[in-house]
Amino acid sequence: MQRDSSAHMPSVIVVTGVSGTGKSTIASMLAHRLHWTYEDGDWFHPRSNIEKMHAGEPLTDEDRWPWLHAIAAWIDATRRVGNHAVVACSALKRAYREILVGERRDVAVVFLKGERELIARRLAARDGHFMPPSLLDSQFAALEEPQTDERPIVVSIAPHPRDIVETIVTKLDAAAAASLGKQSQRSSSD
């Protein structure tokens, strides 16, 4: 299946999960693999959010709304011009994913799932990131894992990043093939 010509691939993929799951790594590798644009949700944070997190303060919903709306505006601009992109964004709560995905049927969610202990080890080894490991508990407390009606692609973070990306691509291809099959069935029954 050719990615650039497939109308059944999403326009935008939002790679989600708590801090330390590898969102930026996986999203950038996935974008490279698909030959799509990559953006990191962290780049959309206002300075006040970054300073707050750097100080070890969890963000509130009020802190997050402008950030999420900025990412959603970028998603809409990407879709409007017919581009394809992958964005890394924690999108921990369903309400956040509603802003990013909502009724956009051509936007997919990839949820990177991992055990707290593995993520804590990764965070402890990470240097120079504005999200301190001390905020991991607040991330898990806020996390509402995507439900089946959100059509998420759920992937374990335990394998090597290359294997995670290949799993995502395989699941995207399967979803695109299923969508194409459903459309063919509807066309033949008309």
N, C-alpha and C. Protein backbone atom coordinates (compact mmCIF):
# COMPACT_ATOMS: atom_id res chain seq x y z
N MET A 1 0.85 -1.17 0.00
CA MET A 1 0.00 0.00 0.00
C MET A 1 0.89 1.23 0.00
N GLN A 2 0.68 2.14 -0.92
CA GLN A 2 1.49 3.33 -1.00
C GLN A 2 0.91 4.41 -0.10
N ARG A 3 1.75 4.89 0.79
CA ARG A 3 1.29 5.84 1.78
C ARG A 3 0.90 7.19 1.21
N ASP A 4 1.69 7.74 0.28
CA ASP A 4 1.41 9.10 -0.17
C ASP A 4 0.12 9.17 -0.97
N SER A 5 -0.32 8.10 -1.57
CA SER A 5 -1.53 8.16 -2.37
C SER A 5 -2.74 7.56 -1.68
N SER A 6 -2.58 6.96 -0.54
CA SER A 6 -3.70 6.31 0.13
C SER A 6 -4.60 7.33 0.82
N ALA A 7 -5.83 7.36 0.37
CA ALA A 7 -6.81 8.27 0.97
C ALA A 7 -7.30 7.74 2.30
N HIS A 8 -6.91 6.53 2.64
CA HIS A 8 -7.42 5.90 3.85
C HIS A 8 -6.44 5.98 5.02
N MET A 9 -5.28 6.57 4.80
CA MET A 9 -4.36 6.83 5.91
C MET A 9 -4.81 8.12 6.57
N PRO A 10 -4.55 8.27 7.87
CA PRO A 10 -4.91 9.53 8.53
C PRO A 10 -4.10 10.69 7.95
N SER A 11 -4.64 11.89 8.10
CA SER A 11 -3.88 13.09 7.73
C SER A 11 -2.85 13.42 8.79
N VAL A 12 -3.27 13.27 10.05
CA VAL A 12 -2.41 13.59 11.18
C VAL A 12 -2.50 12.45 12.20
N ILE A 13 -1.36 12.11 12.77
CA ILE A 13 -1.30 11.12 13.85
C ILE A 13 -0.81 11.84 15.10
N VAL A 14 -1.56 11.70 16.20
CA VAL A 14 -1.19 12.28 17.48
C VAL A 14 -0.64 11.15 18.34
N VAL A 15 0.65 11.21 18.67
CA VAL A 15 1.29 10.19 19.50
C VAL A 15 1.20 10.67 20.95
N THR A 16 0.48 9.89 21.78
CA THR A 16 0.18 10.29 23.14
C THR A 16 0.79 9.35 24.18
N GLY A 17 0.77 9.81 25.41
CA GLY A 17 1.25 9.02 26.55
C GLY A 17 1.84 9.93 27.59
N VAL A 18 2.11 9.37 28.75
CA VAL A 18 2.70 10.18 29.82
C VAL A 18 4.14 10.53 29.47
N SER A 19 4.68 11.50 30.18
CA SER A 19 6.06 11.90 29.99
C SER A 19 6.98 10.70 30.22
N GLY A 20 7.94 10.52 29.32
CA GLY A 20 8.89 9.43 29.47
C GLY A 20 8.56 8.18 28.69
N THR A 21 7.42 8.18 27.96
CA THR A 21 7.07 7.00 27.17
C THR A 21 7.80 6.98 25.82
N GLY A 22 8.43 8.08 25.47
CA GLY A 22 9.15 8.13 24.20
C GLY A 22 8.34 8.77 23.09
N LYS A 23 7.38 9.61 23.45
CA LYS A 23 6.51 10.23 22.44
C LYS A 23 7.30 10.95 21.35
N SER A 24 8.24 11.80 21.76
CA SER A 24 9.00 12.58 20.77
C SER A 24 9.84 11.67 19.88
N THR A 25 10.49 10.70 20.48
CA THR A 25 11.32 9.75 19.71
C THR A 25 10.47 8.97 18.73
N ILE A 26 9.39 8.37 19.22
CA ILE A 26 8.54 7.53 18.36
C ILE A 26 7.87 8.38 17.29
N ALA A 27 7.33 9.54 17.67
CA ALA A 27 6.64 10.40 16.70
C ALA A 27 7.58 10.86 15.60
N SER A 28 8.81 11.25 15.97
CA SER A 28 9.76 11.71 14.94
C SER A 28 10.19 10.55 14.04
N MET A 29 10.41 9.37 14.63
CA MET A 29 10.78 8.21 13.83
C MET A 29 9.63 7.79 12.91
N LEU A 30 8.40 7.85 13.42
CA LEU A 30 7.24 7.50 12.61
C LEU A 30 7.08 8.48 11.45
N ALA A 31 7.22 9.76 11.73
CA ALA A 31 7.13 10.77 10.67
C ALA A 31 8.19 10.52 9.60
N HIS A 32 9.42 10.21 10.04
CA HIS A 32 10.50 9.91 9.09
C HIS A 32 10.15 8.67 8.26
N ARG A 33 9.64 7.65 8.93
CA ARG A 33 9.29 6.39 8.25
C ARG A 33 8.19 6.61 7.20
N LEU A 34 7.22 7.49 7.51
CA LEU A 34 6.10 7.75 6.60
C LEU A 34 6.39 8.88 5.61
N HIS A 35 7.53 9.57 5.80
CA HIS A 35 7.89 10.75 4.99
C HIS A 35 6.87 11.87 5.20
N TRP A 36 6.49 12.06 6.46
CA TRP A 36 5.54 13.10 6.85
C TRP A 36 6.27 14.14 7.68
N THR A 37 5.59 15.24 7.96
CA THR A 37 6.10 16.31 8.81
C THR A 37 6.01 15.88 10.28
N TYR A 38 6.97 16.31 11.07
CA TYR A 38 6.95 16.04 12.52
C TYR A 38 6.88 17.35 13.29
N GLU A 39 6.05 17.38 14.31
CA GLU A 39 6.00 18.49 15.26
C GLU A 39 5.96 17.90 16.66
N ASP A 40 6.51 18.62 17.61
CA ASP A 40 6.45 18.20 19.00
C ASP A 40 5.50 19.12 19.74
N GLY A 41 4.53 18.54 20.43
CA GLY A 41 3.56 19.33 21.17
C GLY A 41 4.21 20.27 22.18
N ASP A 42 5.38 19.89 22.69
CA ASP A 42 6.07 20.74 23.65
C ASP A 42 6.40 22.10 23.05
N TRP A 43 6.60 22.16 21.74
CA TRP A 43 6.94 23.41 21.08
C TRP A 43 5.79 24.41 21.12
N PHE A 44 4.58 23.93 21.38
CA PHE A 44 3.41 24.80 21.40
C PHE A 44 3.11 25.38 22.79
N HIS A 45 3.84 24.90 23.82
CA HIS A 45 3.61 25.39 25.18
C HIS A 45 4.01 26.86 25.29
N PRO A 46 3.17 27.66 25.95
CA PRO A 46 3.62 29.02 26.26
C PRO A 46 4.74 28.96 27.31
N ARG A 47 5.54 29.96 27.33
CA ARG A 47 6.68 30.01 28.25
C ARG A 47 6.24 29.78 29.70
N SER A 48 5.09 30.32 30.07
CA SER A 48 4.62 30.17 31.46
C SER A 48 4.42 28.71 31.83
N ASN A 49 3.95 27.88 30.89
CA ASN A 49 3.78 26.45 31.16
C ASN A 49 5.13 25.76 31.37
N ILE A 50 6.09 26.10 30.52
CA ILE A 50 7.41 25.49 30.62
C ILE A 50 8.06 25.87 31.95
N GLU A 51 7.94 27.12 32.33
CA GLU A 51 8.52 27.56 33.61
C GLU A 51 7.85 26.85 34.78
N LYS A 52 6.54 26.68 34.69
CA LYS A 52 5.80 26.00 35.76
C LYS A 52 6.25 24.54 35.89
N MET A 53 6.35 23.83 34.77
CA MET A 53 6.80 22.44 34.81
C MET A 53 8.24 22.33 35.29
N HIS A 54 9.08 23.24 34.81
CA HIS A 54 10.49 23.23 35.21
C HIS A 54 10.62 23.40 36.73
N ALA A 55 9.69 24.15 37.31
CA ALA A 55 9.69 24.38 38.76
C ALA A 55 9.07 23.20 39.52
N GLY A 56 8.61 22.17 38.77
CA GLY A 56 8.04 20.99 39.41
C GLY A 56 6.56 21.11 39.72
N GLU A 57 5.90 22.12 39.14
CA GLU A 57 4.46 22.32 39.35
C GLU A 57 3.68 21.67 38.22
N PRO A 58 2.72 20.80 38.56
CA PRO A 58 1.88 20.22 37.50
C PRO A 58 1.02 21.30 36.84
N LEU A 59 0.78 21.15 35.57
CA LEU A 59 -0.09 22.08 34.86
C LEU A 59 -1.55 21.80 35.22
N THR A 60 -2.35 22.84 35.22
CA THR A 60 -3.79 22.70 35.43
C THR A 60 -4.47 22.64 34.06
N ASP A 61 -5.74 22.30 34.06
CA ASP A 61 -6.48 22.33 32.80
C ASP A 61 -6.45 23.73 32.19
N GLU A 62 -6.55 24.75 33.04
CA GLU A 62 -6.52 26.13 32.53
C GLU A 62 -5.20 26.44 31.83
N ASP A 63 -4.10 25.84 32.33
CA ASP A 63 -2.80 26.00 31.67
C ASP A 63 -2.79 25.30 30.31
N ARG A 64 -3.48 24.19 30.24
CA ARG A 64 -3.40 23.34 29.05
C ARG A 64 -4.31 23.79 27.90
N TRP A 65 -5.45 24.42 28.19
CA TRP A 65 -6.40 24.73 27.10
C TRP A 65 -5.76 25.53 25.96
N PRO A 66 -5.06 26.64 26.23
CA PRO A 66 -4.46 27.39 25.10
C PRO A 66 -3.44 26.57 24.33
N TRP A 67 -2.68 25.74 25.05
CA TRP A 67 -1.69 24.87 24.42
C TRP A 67 -2.37 23.88 23.49
N LEU A 68 -3.43 23.23 23.97
CA LEU A 68 -4.15 22.24 23.15
C LEU A 68 -4.81 22.89 21.94
N HIS A 69 -5.37 24.07 22.13
CA HIS A 69 -6.02 24.77 21.01
C HIS A 69 -4.98 25.20 19.96
N ALA A 70 -3.77 25.54 20.41
CA ALA A 70 -2.71 25.88 19.45
C ALA A 70 -2.33 24.66 18.62
N ILE A 71 -2.24 23.49 19.26
CA ILE A 71 -1.92 22.26 18.52
C ILE A 71 -3.07 21.92 17.56
N ALA A 72 -4.31 22.06 18.03
CA ALA A 72 -5.48 21.78 17.18
C ALA A 72 -5.51 22.71 15.96
N ALA A 73 -5.15 23.97 16.16
CA ALA A 73 -5.10 24.91 15.03
C ALA A 73 -4.04 24.47 14.02
N TRP A 74 -2.90 23.99 14.52
CA TRP A 74 -1.85 23.49 13.64
C TRP A 74 -2.34 22.24 12.88
N ILE A 75 -3.05 21.35 13.59
CA ILE A 75 -3.61 20.15 12.95
C ILE A 75 -4.55 20.56 11.82
N ASP A 76 -5.43 21.51 12.10
CA ASP A 76 -6.38 21.97 11.07
C ASP A 76 -5.67 22.61 9.89
N ALA A 77 -4.64 23.39 10.15
CA ALA A 77 -3.88 24.02 9.06
C ALA A 77 -3.19 22.95 8.22
N THR A 78 -2.65 21.94 8.86
CA THR A 78 -1.99 20.83 8.15
C THR A 78 -2.99 20.11 7.26
N ARG A 79 -4.15 19.82 7.79
CA ARG A 79 -5.20 19.13 7.03
C ARG A 79 -5.71 19.99 5.88
N ARG A 80 -5.88 21.27 6.15
CA ARG A 80 -6.45 22.20 5.15
C ARG A 80 -5.60 22.24 3.88
N VAL A 81 -4.28 22.19 4.03
CA VAL A 81 -3.41 22.27 2.85
C VAL A 81 -3.08 20.89 2.28
N GLY A 82 -3.65 19.84 2.87
CA GLY A 82 -3.47 18.50 2.33
C GLY A 82 -2.17 17.82 2.72
N ASN A 83 -1.51 18.30 3.76
CA ASN A 83 -0.28 17.67 4.21
C ASN A 83 -0.58 16.53 5.18
N HIS A 84 0.46 15.77 5.49
CA HIS A 84 0.38 14.69 6.48
C HIS A 84 1.43 14.96 7.55
N ALA A 85 1.08 14.68 8.81
CA ALA A 85 2.02 14.99 9.89
C ALA A 85 1.80 14.09 11.08
N VAL A 86 2.83 14.04 11.91
CA VAL A 86 2.79 13.33 13.18
C VAL A 86 3.17 14.35 14.25
N VAL A 87 2.39 14.39 15.33
CA VAL A 87 2.67 15.30 16.44
C VAL A 87 2.72 14.50 17.74
N ALA A 88 3.73 14.77 18.56
CA ALA A 88 3.84 14.17 19.88
C ALA A 88 3.16 15.10 20.87
N CYS A 89 2.20 14.56 21.63
CA CYS A 89 1.48 15.38 22.60
C CYS A 89 0.92 14.46 23.67
N SER A 90 1.15 14.77 24.93
CA SER A 90 0.71 13.88 26.01
C SER A 90 -0.78 13.59 25.93
N ALA A 91 -1.62 14.59 25.73
CA ALA A 91 -3.07 14.40 25.59
C ALA A 91 -3.59 13.34 26.57
N LEU A 92 -3.32 13.57 27.84
CA LEU A 92 -3.59 12.56 28.86
C LEU A 92 -5.08 12.30 29.11
N LYS A 93 -5.90 13.32 28.94
CA LYS A 93 -7.33 13.17 29.24
C LYS A 93 -8.15 13.12 27.95
N ARG A 94 -9.28 12.47 28.05
CA ARG A 94 -10.18 12.39 26.91
C ARG A 94 -10.57 13.79 26.43
N ALA A 95 -10.83 14.70 27.37
CA ALA A 95 -11.21 16.07 26.99
C ALA A 95 -10.12 16.74 26.15
N TYR A 96 -8.85 16.42 26.44
CA TYR A 96 -7.75 16.98 25.66
C TYR A 96 -7.76 16.39 24.25
N ARG A 97 -7.97 15.08 24.16
CA ARG A 97 -8.00 14.42 22.84
C ARG A 97 -9.21 14.88 22.03
N GLU A 98 -10.29 15.23 22.72
CA GLU A 98 -11.46 15.78 22.02
C GLU A 98 -11.11 17.06 21.29
N ILE A 99 -10.26 17.89 21.90
CA ILE A 99 -9.83 19.13 21.25
C ILE A 99 -8.95 18.81 20.04
N LEU A 100 -8.07 17.84 20.18
CA LEU A 100 -7.12 17.53 19.11
C LEU A 100 -7.73 16.68 17.99
N VAL A 101 -8.62 15.78 18.35
CA VAL A 101 -9.20 14.86 17.37
C VAL A 101 -10.66 15.20 17.11
N GLY A 102 -11.47 15.18 18.16
CA GLY A 102 -12.89 15.51 18.03
C GLY A 102 -13.55 14.74 16.91
N GLU A 103 -14.18 15.45 15.99
CA GLU A 103 -14.86 14.83 14.85
C GLU A 103 -13.96 14.69 13.62
N ARG A 104 -12.69 14.95 13.78
CA ARG A 104 -11.75 14.83 12.65
C ARG A 104 -11.48 13.34 12.41
N ARG A 105 -12.19 12.72 11.52
CA ARG A 105 -12.05 11.28 11.26
C ARG A 105 -10.70 10.94 10.64
N ASP A 106 -10.01 11.94 10.12
CA ASP A 106 -8.71 11.70 9.49
C ASP A 106 -7.54 12.00 10.44
N VAL A 107 -7.83 12.09 11.75
CA VAL A 107 -6.78 12.26 12.75
C VAL A 107 -6.80 11.02 13.65
N ALA A 108 -5.65 10.37 13.77
CA ALA A 108 -5.55 9.14 14.54
C ALA A 108 -4.75 9.37 15.82
N VAL A 109 -5.06 8.57 16.84
CA VAL A 109 -4.34 8.61 18.11
C VAL A 109 -3.52 7.33 18.26
N VAL A 110 -2.25 7.49 18.57
CA VAL A 110 -1.39 6.37 18.95
C VAL A 110 -1.09 6.58 20.43
N PHE A 111 -1.44 5.59 21.25
CA PHE A 111 -1.20 5.68 22.69
C PHE A 111 -0.04 4.78 23.06
N LEU A 112 1.03 5.38 23.58
CA LEU A 112 2.20 4.63 24.04
C LEU A 112 1.98 4.25 25.49
N LYS A 113 1.90 2.95 25.72
CA LYS A 113 1.55 2.44 27.05
C LYS A 113 2.75 1.75 27.68
N GLY A 114 2.98 2.09 28.95
CA GLY A 114 4.10 1.47 29.65
C GLY A 114 3.90 1.42 31.15
N GLU A 115 4.66 0.57 31.78
CA GLU A 115 4.61 0.43 33.24
C GLU A 115 5.30 1.62 33.89
N ARG A 116 4.77 2.04 35.02
CA ARG A 116 5.29 3.20 35.74
C ARG A 116 6.78 3.05 36.06
N GLU A 117 7.21 1.85 36.47
CA GLU A 117 8.60 1.65 36.86
C GLU A 117 9.55 1.86 35.67
N LEU A 118 9.19 1.33 34.51
CA LEU A 118 10.01 1.51 33.31
C LEU A 118 10.10 2.99 32.94
N ILE A 119 8.96 3.67 32.98
CA ILE A 119 8.93 5.09 32.63
C ILE A 119 9.75 5.90 33.63
N ALA A 120 9.64 5.58 34.92
CA ALA A 120 10.41 6.30 35.94
C ALA A 120 11.91 6.13 35.70
N ARG A 121 12.33 4.93 35.32
CA ARG A 121 13.76 4.71 35.02
C ARG A 121 14.20 5.56 33.83
N ARG A 122 13.36 5.61 32.82
CA ARG A 122 13.70 6.41 31.63
C ARG A 122 13.79 7.90 31.98
N LEU A 123 12.84 8.37 32.77
CA LEU A 123 12.86 9.78 33.16
C LEU A 123 14.10 10.12 33.98
N ALA A 124 14.48 9.20 34.87
CA ALA A 124 15.66 9.43 35.71
C ALA A 124 16.93 9.52 34.87
N ALA A 125 16.95 8.82 33.75
CA ALA A 125 18.13 8.82 32.88
C ALA A 125 18.15 10.00 31.91
N ARG A 126 17.01 10.69 31.78
CA ARG A 126 16.90 11.79 30.83
C ARG A 126 17.53 13.04 31.42
N ASP A 127 18.28 13.76 30.59
CA ASP A 127 18.99 14.94 31.07
C ASP A 127 18.52 16.18 30.32
N GLY A 128 18.27 17.24 31.06
CA GLY A 128 18.00 18.53 30.43
C GLY A 128 16.58 18.74 29.95
N HIS A 129 15.64 17.88 30.30
CA HIS A 129 14.25 18.07 29.88
C HIS A 129 13.54 18.91 30.93
N PHE A 130 12.58 19.76 30.49
CA PHE A 130 11.91 20.64 31.44
C PHE A 130 10.89 19.92 32.32
N MET A 131 10.55 18.68 31.98
CA MET A 131 9.59 17.91 32.77
C MET A 131 10.35 17.05 33.76
N PRO A 132 10.39 17.42 35.03
CA PRO A 132 11.16 16.63 36.00
C PRO A 132 10.47 15.31 36.33
N PRO A 133 11.26 14.28 36.69
CA PRO A 133 10.69 12.98 37.05
C PRO A 133 9.68 13.05 38.19
N SER A 134 9.78 14.06 39.04
CA SER A 134 8.86 14.20 40.18
C SER A 134 7.41 14.40 39.74
N LEU A 135 7.19 14.81 38.50
CA LEU A 135 5.82 15.04 38.02
C LEU A 135 5.18 13.78 37.41
N LEU A 136 5.90 12.66 37.41
CA LEU A 136 5.35 11.44 36.82
C LEU A 136 4.06 11.00 37.51
N ASP A 137 4.02 11.08 38.84
CA ASP A 137 2.80 10.68 39.54
C ASP A 137 1.61 11.52 39.12
N SER A 138 1.82 12.83 38.91
CA SER A 138 0.71 13.68 38.47
C SER A 138 0.26 13.31 37.06
N GLN A 139 1.20 12.85 36.23
CA GLN A 139 0.85 12.41 34.88
C GLN A 139 -0.04 11.17 34.93
N PHE A 140 0.35 10.20 35.75
CA PHE A 140 -0.46 8.99 35.86
C PHE A 140 -1.81 9.28 36.52
N ALA A 141 -1.84 10.22 37.46
CA ALA A 141 -3.10 10.58 38.12
C ALA A 141 -4.07 11.22 37.11
N ALA A 142 -3.54 11.97 36.17
CA ALA A 142 -4.37 12.64 35.17
C ALA A 142 -4.75 11.73 34.00
N LEU A 143 -3.98 10.65 33.80
CA LEU A 143 -4.15 9.81 32.62
C LEU A 143 -5.53 9.14 32.56
N GLU A 144 -6.19 9.35 31.43
CA GLU A 144 -7.41 8.61 31.06
C GLU A 144 -7.06 7.92 29.75
N GLU A 145 -6.77 6.63 29.83
CA GLU A 145 -6.35 5.91 28.62
C GLU A 145 -7.44 6.00 27.56
N PRO A 146 -7.03 6.12 26.29
CA PRO A 146 -8.03 6.18 25.21
C PRO A 146 -8.90 4.93 25.19
N GLN A 147 -10.18 5.15 24.95
CA GLN A 147 -11.15 4.06 24.89
C GLN A 147 -11.37 3.63 23.44
N THR A 148 -11.99 2.48 23.25
CA THR A 148 -12.15 1.93 21.90
C THR A 148 -12.90 2.87 20.97
N ASP A 149 -13.85 3.65 21.49
CA ASP A 149 -14.59 4.55 20.60
C ASP A 149 -13.72 5.69 20.07
N GLU A 150 -12.53 5.87 20.66
CA GLU A 150 -11.59 6.87 20.16
C GLU A 150 -10.69 6.29 19.05
N ARG A 151 -10.85 4.99 18.76
CA ARG A 151 -10.10 4.29 17.72
C ARG A 151 -8.58 4.41 17.90
N PRO A 152 -8.08 4.23 19.14
CA PRO A 152 -6.63 4.40 19.33
C PRO A 152 -5.84 3.21 18.82
N ILE A 153 -4.62 3.47 18.46
CA ILE A 153 -3.65 2.42 18.23
C ILE A 153 -2.82 2.38 19.51
N VAL A 154 -2.94 1.29 20.26
CA VAL A 154 -2.26 1.16 21.55
C VAL A 154 -1.02 0.30 21.34
N VAL A 155 0.13 0.83 21.78
CA VAL A 155 1.40 0.15 21.56
C VAL A 155 2.22 0.16 22.85
N SER A 156 2.81 -0.98 23.17
CA SER A 156 3.68 -1.09 24.33
C SER A 156 4.99 -0.36 24.06
N ILE A 157 5.52 0.29 25.11
CA ILE A 157 6.80 0.98 24.97
C ILE A 157 7.99 0.08 25.29
N ALA A 158 7.73 -1.18 25.65
CA ALA A 158 8.82 -2.08 26.04
C ALA A 158 9.78 -2.41 24.89
N PRO A 159 9.30 -2.64 23.66
CA PRO A 159 10.24 -2.98 22.57
C PRO A 159 11.15 -1.80 22.19
N HIS A 160 12.09 -2.10 21.32
CA HIS A 160 12.99 -1.08 20.77
C HIS A 160 12.15 -0.09 19.95
N PRO A 161 12.51 1.20 19.94
CA PRO A 161 11.74 2.19 19.18
C PRO A 161 11.48 1.81 17.72
N ARG A 162 12.47 1.21 17.03
CA ARG A 162 12.24 0.79 15.62
C ARG A 162 11.10 -0.21 15.54
N ASP A 163 11.04 -1.13 16.50
CA ASP A 163 9.98 -2.14 16.51
C ASP A 163 8.62 -1.51 16.83
N ILE A 164 8.63 -0.52 17.72
CA ILE A 164 7.38 0.19 18.04
C ILE A 164 6.85 0.88 16.79
N VAL A 165 7.73 1.57 16.06
CA VAL A 165 7.32 2.26 14.83
C VAL A 165 6.77 1.27 13.81
N GLU A 166 7.42 0.13 13.64
CA GLU A 166 6.94 -0.87 12.68
C GLU A 166 5.58 -1.42 13.10
N THR A 167 5.36 -1.60 14.41
CA THR A 167 4.06 -2.05 14.90
C THR A 167 2.98 -1.02 14.56
N ILE A 168 3.29 0.26 14.76
CA ILE A 168 2.33 1.32 14.45
C ILE A 168 2.01 1.32 12.96
N VAL A 169 3.04 1.23 12.12
CA VAL A 169 2.82 1.24 10.66
C VAL A 169 1.96 0.04 10.25
N THR A 170 2.23 -1.13 10.81
CA THR A 170 1.43 -2.32 10.51
C THR A 170 -0.03 -2.10 10.90
N LYS A 171 -0.25 -1.52 12.08
CA LYS A 171 -1.63 -1.27 12.53
C LYS A 171 -2.30 -0.19 11.68
N LEU A 172 -1.56 0.81 11.25
CA LEU A 172 -2.11 1.83 10.36
C LEU A 172 -2.51 1.22 9.02
N ASP A 173 -1.64 0.38 8.48
CA ASP A 173 -1.93 -0.30 7.22
C ASP A 173 -3.19 -1.18 7.35
N ALA A 174 -3.30 -1.90 8.47
CA ALA A 174 -4.47 -2.76 8.69
C ALA A 174 -5.74 -1.92 8.80
N ALA A 175 -5.67 -0.81 9.51
CA ALA A 175 -6.84 0.07 9.64
C ALA A 175 -7.22 0.68 8.29
N ALA A 176 -6.21 1.07 7.49
CA ALA A 176 -6.49 1.63 6.17
C ALA A 176 -7.11 0.58 5.26
N ALA A 177 -6.61 -0.65 5.33
CA ALA A 177 -7.16 -1.74 4.51
C ALA A 177 -8.60 -2.04 4.93
N ALA A 178 -8.87 -2.04 6.22
CA ALA A 178 -10.23 -2.28 6.71
C ALA A 178 -11.16 -1.18 6.26
N SER A 179 -10.69 0.06 6.30
CA SER A 179 -11.50 1.20 5.86
C SER A 179 -11.79 1.10 4.36
N LEU A 180 -10.78 0.71 3.59
CA LEU A 180 -10.95 0.54 2.15
C LEU A 180 -11.94 -0.58 1.87
N GLY A 181 -11.84 -1.69 2.62
CA GLY A 181 -12.77 -2.81 2.46
C GLY A 181 -14.20 -2.42 2.76
N LYS A 182 -14.41 -1.64 3.82
CA LYS A 182 -15.76 -1.18 4.18
C LYS A 182 -16.32 -0.28 3.09
N GLN A 183 -15.46 0.59 2.54
CA GLN A 183 -15.92 1.49 1.47
C GLN A 183 -16.28 0.68 0.22
N SER A 184 -15.49 -0.34 -0.09
CA SER A 184 -15.78 -1.19 -1.26
C SER A 184 -17.10 -1.92 -1.09
N GLN A 185 -17.36 -2.42 0.14
CA GLN A 185 -18.62 -3.12 0.42
C GLN A 185 -19.79 -2.17 0.25
N ARG A 186 -19.66 -0.94 0.75
CA ARG A 186 -20.76 0.02 0.62
C ARG A 186 -21.00 0.36 -0.84
N SER A 187 -19.92 0.52 -1.62
CA SER A 187 -20.06 0.86 -3.04
C SER A 187 -20.74 -0.26 -3.80
N SER A 188 -20.39 -1.52 -3.51
CA SER A 188 -20.98 -2.63 -4.25
C SER A 188 -22.41 -2.89 -3.86
N SER A 189 -22.82 -2.46 -2.65
CA SER A 189 -24.21 -2.67 -2.24
C SER A 189 -25.11 -1.53 -2.67
N ASP A 190 -24.52 -0.46 -3.20
CA ASP A 190 -25.34 0.69 -3.66
C ASP A 190 -25.95 0.43 -5.01
